[in-house]
Amino acid sequence: MFAAALVIVFCTSVMALDMGQSAPSFSLKDQFGKLWDLSKLNGTVTVVVAANKDSGREMGPWIENLDSKYGSKIQLLGLMDLHSIPGIGRGIAKSRIRKETPQPLMLDFDGTVSKAYSVTSDSPVVVVIDGNSRVKAIQRDEYSKSALTSIATAIDTALKSKAS
């Protein structure tokens, strides 16, 4: 389903993904060529759903349910670790992702940002980042109603904090 695409990667530092800490910075292009930079999302509640080519097939339920529940209230971004895709296949992969995925999916061909977001082959990693770029929740399990409820609680809290 997900393959690869052309991307610009910049990560100022690789830090651990920990609750309450600053979220790892990123500056990546999505499948449509739009550049996403965490520093430019300041003041916005951002949810990153990160995966690699193995766990990427499990991103759909997270993206669809969060988009349905929150719409434009949050910035919902996919992050795909594609460091194993050779340069020759990146254009084909980007084209395929563009056709199959309407939501923004940041493409990490370097793998640095994906590593900072603890991407694994097991399941997607869902990270809630508040308007001050602090990690408010991390979910490393497959999609389930209880996992969604946990993430939704963190998003709701971040949205209320933003409003006050």
C-alpha atoms as a PDB file:
ATOM      1  CA  MET A   1       0.000   0.000   0.000  1.00  0.00           C
ATOM      2  CA  PHE A   2       2.572   2.578   1.091  1.00  0.00           C
ATOM      3  CA  ALA A   3       5.829   2.815  -0.786  1.00  0.00           C
ATOM      4  CA  ALA A   4       8.147   5.823  -1.087  1.00  0.00           C
ATOM      5  CA  ALA A   5       8.536   9.376  -2.338  1.00  0.00           C
ATOM      6  CA  LEU A   6      10.915  12.291  -2.642  1.00  0.00           C
ATOM      7  CA  VAL A   7      11.474  14.022   0.674  1.00  0.00           C
ATOM      8  CA  ILE A   8      13.517  16.632   2.425  1.00  0.00           C
ATOM      9  CA  VAL A   9      14.466  15.621   5.939  1.00  0.00           C
ATOM     10  CA  PHE A  10      15.734  17.815   8.714  1.00  0.00           C
ATOM     11  CA  CYS A  11      15.826  16.837  12.343  1.00  0.00           C
ATOM     12  CA  THR A  12      17.745  19.130  14.671  1.00  0.00           C
ATOM     13  CA  SER A  13      18.362  16.418  17.205  1.00  0.00           C
ATOM     14  CA  VAL A  14      17.401  12.870  17.881  1.00  0.00           C
ATOM     15  CA  MET A  15      15.843  12.769  21.307  1.00  0.00           C
ATOM     16  CA  ALA A  16      13.805  10.224  23.155  1.00  0.00           C
ATOM     17  CA  LEU A  17      10.069  10.333  22.702  1.00  0.00           C
ATOM     18  CA  ASP A  18       8.850  10.970  26.250  1.00  0.00           C
ATOM     19  CA  MET A  19       5.625  12.300  27.732  1.00  0.00           C
ATOM     20  CA  GLY A  20       5.848  15.922  28.828  1.00  0.00           C
ATOM     21  CA  GLN A  21       9.043  16.544  26.861  1.00  0.00           C
ATOM     22  CA  SER A  22       9.430  18.572  23.691  1.00  0.00           C
ATOM     23  CA  ALA A  23       8.382  16.601  20.640  1.00  0.00           C
ATOM     24  CA  PRO A  24      11.203  15.712  18.251  1.00  0.00           C
ATOM     25  CA  SER A  25      11.374  18.386  15.581  1.00  0.00           C
ATOM     26  CA  PHE A  26      10.681  17.584  11.960  1.00  0.00           C
ATOM     27  CA  SER A  27      10.692  19.247   8.585  1.00  0.00           C
ATOM     28  CA  LEU A  28       9.427  16.803   5.963  1.00  0.00           C
ATOM     29  CA  LYS A  29       7.549  16.935   2.685  1.00  0.00           C
ATOM     30  CA  ASP A  30       4.356  14.972   2.225  1.00  0.00           C
ATOM     31  CA  GLN A  31       3.254  13.011  -0.841  1.00  0.00           C
ATOM     32  CA  PHE A  32       1.893  16.218  -2.403  1.00  0.00           C
ATOM     33  CA  GLY A  33       5.147  18.161  -1.939  1.00  0.00           C
ATOM     34  CA  LYS A  34       3.958  20.293   1.002  1.00  0.00           C
ATOM     35  CA  LEU A  35       6.608  20.933   3.646  1.00  0.00           C
ATOM     36  CA  TRP A  36       5.524  20.241   7.238  1.00  0.00           C
ATOM     37  CA  ASP A  37       7.631  21.775   9.991  1.00  0.00           C
ATOM     38  CA  LEU A  38       6.785  21.259  13.668  1.00  0.00           C
ATOM     39  CA  SER A  39       8.026  24.748  14.567  1.00  0.00           C
ATOM     40  CA  LYS A  40       5.451  26.229  12.160  1.00  0.00           C
ATOM     41  CA  LEU A  41       2.645  24.310  13.897  1.00  0.00           C
ATOM     42  CA  ASN A  42       3.200  26.103  17.209  1.00  0.00           C
ATOM     43  CA  GLY A  43      -0.153  26.831  18.843  1.00  0.00           C
ATOM     44  CA  THR A  44      -1.806  23.908  17.052  1.00  0.00           C
ATOM     45  CA  VAL A  45      -2.636  20.552  18.586  1.00  0.00           C
ATOM     46  CA  THR A  46      -0.889  18.083  16.296  1.00  0.00           C
ATOM     47  CA  VAL A  47      -1.312  14.320  16.131  1.00  0.00           C
ATOM     48  CA  VAL A  48       1.362  12.303  14.355  1.00  0.00           C
ATOM     49  CA  VAL A  49       0.556   8.738  13.312  1.00  0.00           C
ATOM     50  CA  ALA A  50       3.927   7.192  12.484  1.00  0.00           C
ATOM     51  CA  ALA A  51       4.731   3.839  10.896  1.00  0.00           C
ATOM     52  CA  ASN A  52       7.068   2.025   8.530  1.00  0.00           C
ATOM     53  CA  LYS A  53       6.320  -0.100   5.468  1.00  0.00           C
ATOM     54  CA  ASP A  54       5.340  -3.044   7.704  1.00  0.00           C
ATOM     55  CA  SER A  55       3.185  -1.248  10.281  1.00  0.00           C
ATOM     56  CA  GLY A  56       1.905   1.309   7.747  1.00  0.00           C
ATOM     57  CA  ARG A  57      -1.073  -0.811   6.789  1.00  0.00           C
ATOM     58  CA  GLU A  58      -2.379  -0.304  10.324  1.00  0.00           C
ATOM     59  CA  MET A  59      -2.376   3.512  10.063  1.00  0.00           C
ATOM     60  CA  GLY A  60      -5.747   3.705   8.315  1.00  0.00           C
ATOM     61  CA  PRO A  61      -8.068   3.153  11.279  1.00  0.00           C
ATOM     62  CA  TRP A  62      -6.148   5.714  13.360  1.00  0.00           C
ATOM     63  CA  ILE A  63      -6.183   8.371  10.635  1.00  0.00           C
ATOM     64  CA  GLU A  64      -9.806   7.776   9.627  1.00  0.00           C
ATOM     65  CA  ASN A  65     -11.211   7.801  13.167  1.00  0.00           C
ATOM     66  CA  LEU A  66      -9.179  10.804  14.353  1.00  0.00           C
ATOM     67  CA  ASP A  67     -10.042  12.759  11.206  1.00  0.00           C
ATOM     68  CA  SER A  68     -13.722  11.891  11.606  1.00  0.00           C
ATOM     69  CA  LYS A  69     -13.769  12.880  15.287  1.00  0.00           C
ATOM     70  CA  TYR A  70     -11.669  16.064  15.150  1.00  0.00           C
ATOM     71  CA  GLY A  71     -11.524  17.302  11.555  1.00  0.00           C
ATOM     72  CA  SER A  72      -9.903  20.739  11.419  1.00  0.00           C
ATOM     73  CA  LYS A  73      -9.674  21.077  15.223  1.00  0.00           C
ATOM     74  CA  ILE A  74      -6.277  19.337  15.092  1.00  0.00           C
ATOM     75  CA  GLN A  75      -3.464  18.955  12.611  1.00  0.00           C
ATOM     76  CA  LEU A  76      -3.398  15.254  11.778  1.00  0.00           C
ATOM     77  CA  LEU A  77      -0.207  14.081  10.065  1.00  0.00           C
ATOM     78  CA  GLY A  78       0.968  10.673   8.985  1.00  0.00           C
ATOM     79  CA  LEU A  79       4.691   9.909   9.117  1.00  0.00           C
ATOM     80  CA  MET A  80       6.074   7.066   7.026  1.00  0.00           C
ATOM     81  CA  ASP A  81       9.562   5.638   7.531  1.00  0.00           C
ATOM     82  CA  LEU A  82      10.769   4.822   4.029  1.00  0.00           C
ATOM     83  CA  HIS A  83      14.529   4.747   4.573  1.00  0.00           C
ATOM     84  CA  SER A  84      14.754   1.256   3.076  1.00  0.00           C
ATOM     85  CA  ILE A  85      13.352   2.369  -0.309  1.00  0.00           C
ATOM     86  CA  PRO A  86      16.143   2.795  -2.884  1.00  0.00           C
ATOM     87  CA  GLY A  87      16.396   6.126  -4.689  1.00  0.00           C
ATOM     88  CA  ILE A  88      15.269   4.651  -7.994  1.00  0.00           C
ATOM     89  CA  GLY A  89      11.885   3.604  -6.533  1.00  0.00           C
ATOM     90  CA  ARG A  90      11.035   6.817  -4.704  1.00  0.00           C
ATOM     91  CA  GLY A  91       9.180   8.565  -7.518  1.00  0.00           C
ATOM     92  CA  ILE A  92       6.994   5.527  -8.167  1.00  0.00           C
ATOM     93  CA  ALA A  93       6.305   5.176  -4.470  1.00  0.00           C
ATOM     94  CA  LYS A  94       5.406   8.846  -4.065  1.00  0.00           C
ATOM     95  CA  SER A  95       2.971   8.580  -6.980  1.00  0.00           C
ATOM     96  CA  ARG A  96       1.331   5.497  -5.484  1.00  0.00           C
ATOM     97  CA  ILE A  97       1.008   7.070  -2.045  1.00  0.00           C
ATOM     98  CA  ARG A  98      -0.475  10.222  -3.611  1.00  0.00           C
ATOM     99  CA  LYS A  99      -3.162   8.118  -5.329  1.00  0.00           C
ATOM    100  CA  GLU A 100      -3.985   6.005  -2.257  1.00  0.00           C
ATOM    101  CA  THR A 101      -3.682   8.476   0.616  1.00  0.00           C
ATOM    102  CA  PRO A 102      -5.608  11.773   0.646  1.00  0.00           C
ATOM    103  CA  GLN A 103      -4.412  12.879   4.113  1.00  0.00           C
ATOM    104  CA  PRO A 104      -0.930  14.399   4.542  1.00  0.00           C
ATOM    105  CA  LEU A 105       1.688  11.663   4.910  1.00  0.00           C
ATOM    106  CA  MET A 106       5.181  12.957   5.657  1.00  0.00           C
ATOM    107  CA  LEU A 107       7.742  10.844   3.833  1.00  0.00           C
ATOM    108  CA  ASP A 108      10.946  10.103   5.746  1.00  0.00           C
ATOM    109  CA  PHE A 109      13.514   8.604   3.373  1.00  0.00           C
ATOM    110  CA  ASP A 110      16.360   9.324   5.769  1.00  0.00           C
ATOM    111  CA  GLY A 111      14.698   7.544   8.709  1.00  0.00           C
ATOM    112  CA  THR A 112      15.955  10.073  11.261  1.00  0.00           C
ATOM    113  CA  VAL A 113      12.583  11.551  12.180  1.00  0.00           C
ATOM    114  CA  SER A 114      10.946   8.124  12.236  1.00  0.00           C
ATOM    115  CA  LYS A 115      13.615   6.908  14.629  1.00  0.00           C
ATOM    116  CA  ALA A 116      12.989   9.917  16.885  1.00  0.00           C
ATOM    117  CA  TYR A 117       9.264   9.016  16.885  1.00  0.00           C
ATOM    118  CA  SER A 118      10.046   5.389  17.829  1.00  0.00           C
ATOM    119  CA  VAL A 119       8.610   3.836  14.660  1.00  0.00           C
ATOM    120  CA  THR A 120       8.570   0.028  14.691  1.00  0.00           C
ATOM    121  CA  SER A 121       7.272  -2.773  12.486  1.00  0.00           C
ATOM    122  CA  ASP A 122       4.823  -3.894  15.170  1.00  0.00           C
ATOM    123  CA  SER A 123       2.172  -1.169  15.031  1.00  0.00           C
ATOM    124  CA  PRO A 124       1.842   2.549  14.332  1.00  0.00           C
ATOM    125  CA  VAL A 125       2.936   5.032  16.979  1.00  0.00           C
ATOM    126  CA  VAL A 126       0.387   7.771  17.695  1.00  0.00           C
ATOM    127  CA  VAL A 127       1.754  10.924  19.320  1.00  0.00           C
ATOM    128  CA  VAL A 128      -0.331  13.842  20.610  1.00  0.00           C
ATOM    129  CA  ILE A 129       1.601  17.129  20.630  1.00  0.00           C
ATOM    130  CA  ASP A 130       0.118  20.189  22.316  1.00  0.00           C
ATOM    131  CA  GLY A 131       0.316  23.749  21.029  1.00  0.00           C
ATOM    132  CA  ASN A 132       3.628  24.238  22.844  1.00  0.00           C
ATOM    133  CA  SER A 133       5.206  21.246  21.042  1.00  0.00           C
ATOM    134  CA  ARG A 134       5.088  19.041  24.157  1.00  0.00           C
ATOM    135  CA  VAL A 135       4.258  15.343  23.933  1.00  0.00           C
ATOM    136  CA  LYS A 136       0.953  14.762  25.737  1.00  0.00           C
ATOM    137  CA  ALA A 137       0.298  11.120  24.819  1.00  0.00           C
ATOM    138  CA  ILE A 138       1.996   8.206  23.098  1.00  0.00           C
ATOM    139  CA  GLN A 139       0.122   5.107  21.937  1.00  0.00           C
ATOM    140  CA  ARG A 140       2.225   2.217  20.664  1.00  0.00           C
ATOM    141  CA  ASP A 141      -0.539  -0.351  20.262  1.00  0.00           C
ATOM    142  CA  GLU A 142      -2.697  -1.416  17.363  1.00  0.00           C
ATOM    143  CA  TYR A 143      -5.867   0.578  16.817  1.00  0.00           C
ATOM    144  CA  SER A 144      -8.670  -0.334  19.198  1.00  0.00           C
ATOM    145  CA  LYS A 145     -11.582   1.567  20.706  1.00  0.00           C
ATOM    146  CA  SER A 146      -9.812   1.731  24.072  1.00  0.00           C
ATOM    147  CA  ALA A 147      -6.582   2.988  22.464  1.00  0.00           C
ATOM    148  CA  LEU A 148      -8.575   5.618  20.547  1.00  0.00           C
ATOM    149  CA  THR A 149     -10.306   6.684  23.774  1.00  0.00           C
ATOM    150  CA  SER A 150      -6.932   7.139  25.454  1.00  0.00           C
ATOM    151  CA  ILE A 151      -5.616   9.284  22.595  1.00  0.00           C
ATOM    152  CA  ALA A 152      -8.906  11.224  22.355  1.00  0.00           C
ATOM    153  CA  THR A 153      -8.710  12.079  26.064  1.00  0.00           C
ATOM    154  CA  ALA A 154      -5.225  13.540  25.546  1.00  0.00           C
ATOM    155  CA  ILE A 155      -6.358  15.468  22.468  1.00  0.00           C
ATOM    156  CA  ASP A 156      -9.392  16.866  24.299  1.00  0.00           C
ATOM    157  CA  THR A 157      -7.182  17.976  27.196  1.00  0.00           C
ATOM    158  CA  ALA A 158      -4.726  19.642  24.807  1.00  0.00           C
ATOM    159  CA  LEU A 159      -7.561  21.400  22.981  1.00  0.00           C
ATOM    160  CA  LYS A 160      -9.025  22.698  26.274  1.00  0.00           C
ATOM    161  CA  SER A 161      -5.594  23.957  27.348  1.00  0.00           C
ATOM    162  CA  LYS A 162      -5.221  25.733  24.012  1.00  0.00           C
ATOM    163  CA  ALA A 163      -8.609  27.419  24.454  1.00  0.00           C
ATOM    164  CA  SER A 164      -7.793  28.782  27.924  1.00  0.00           C
END
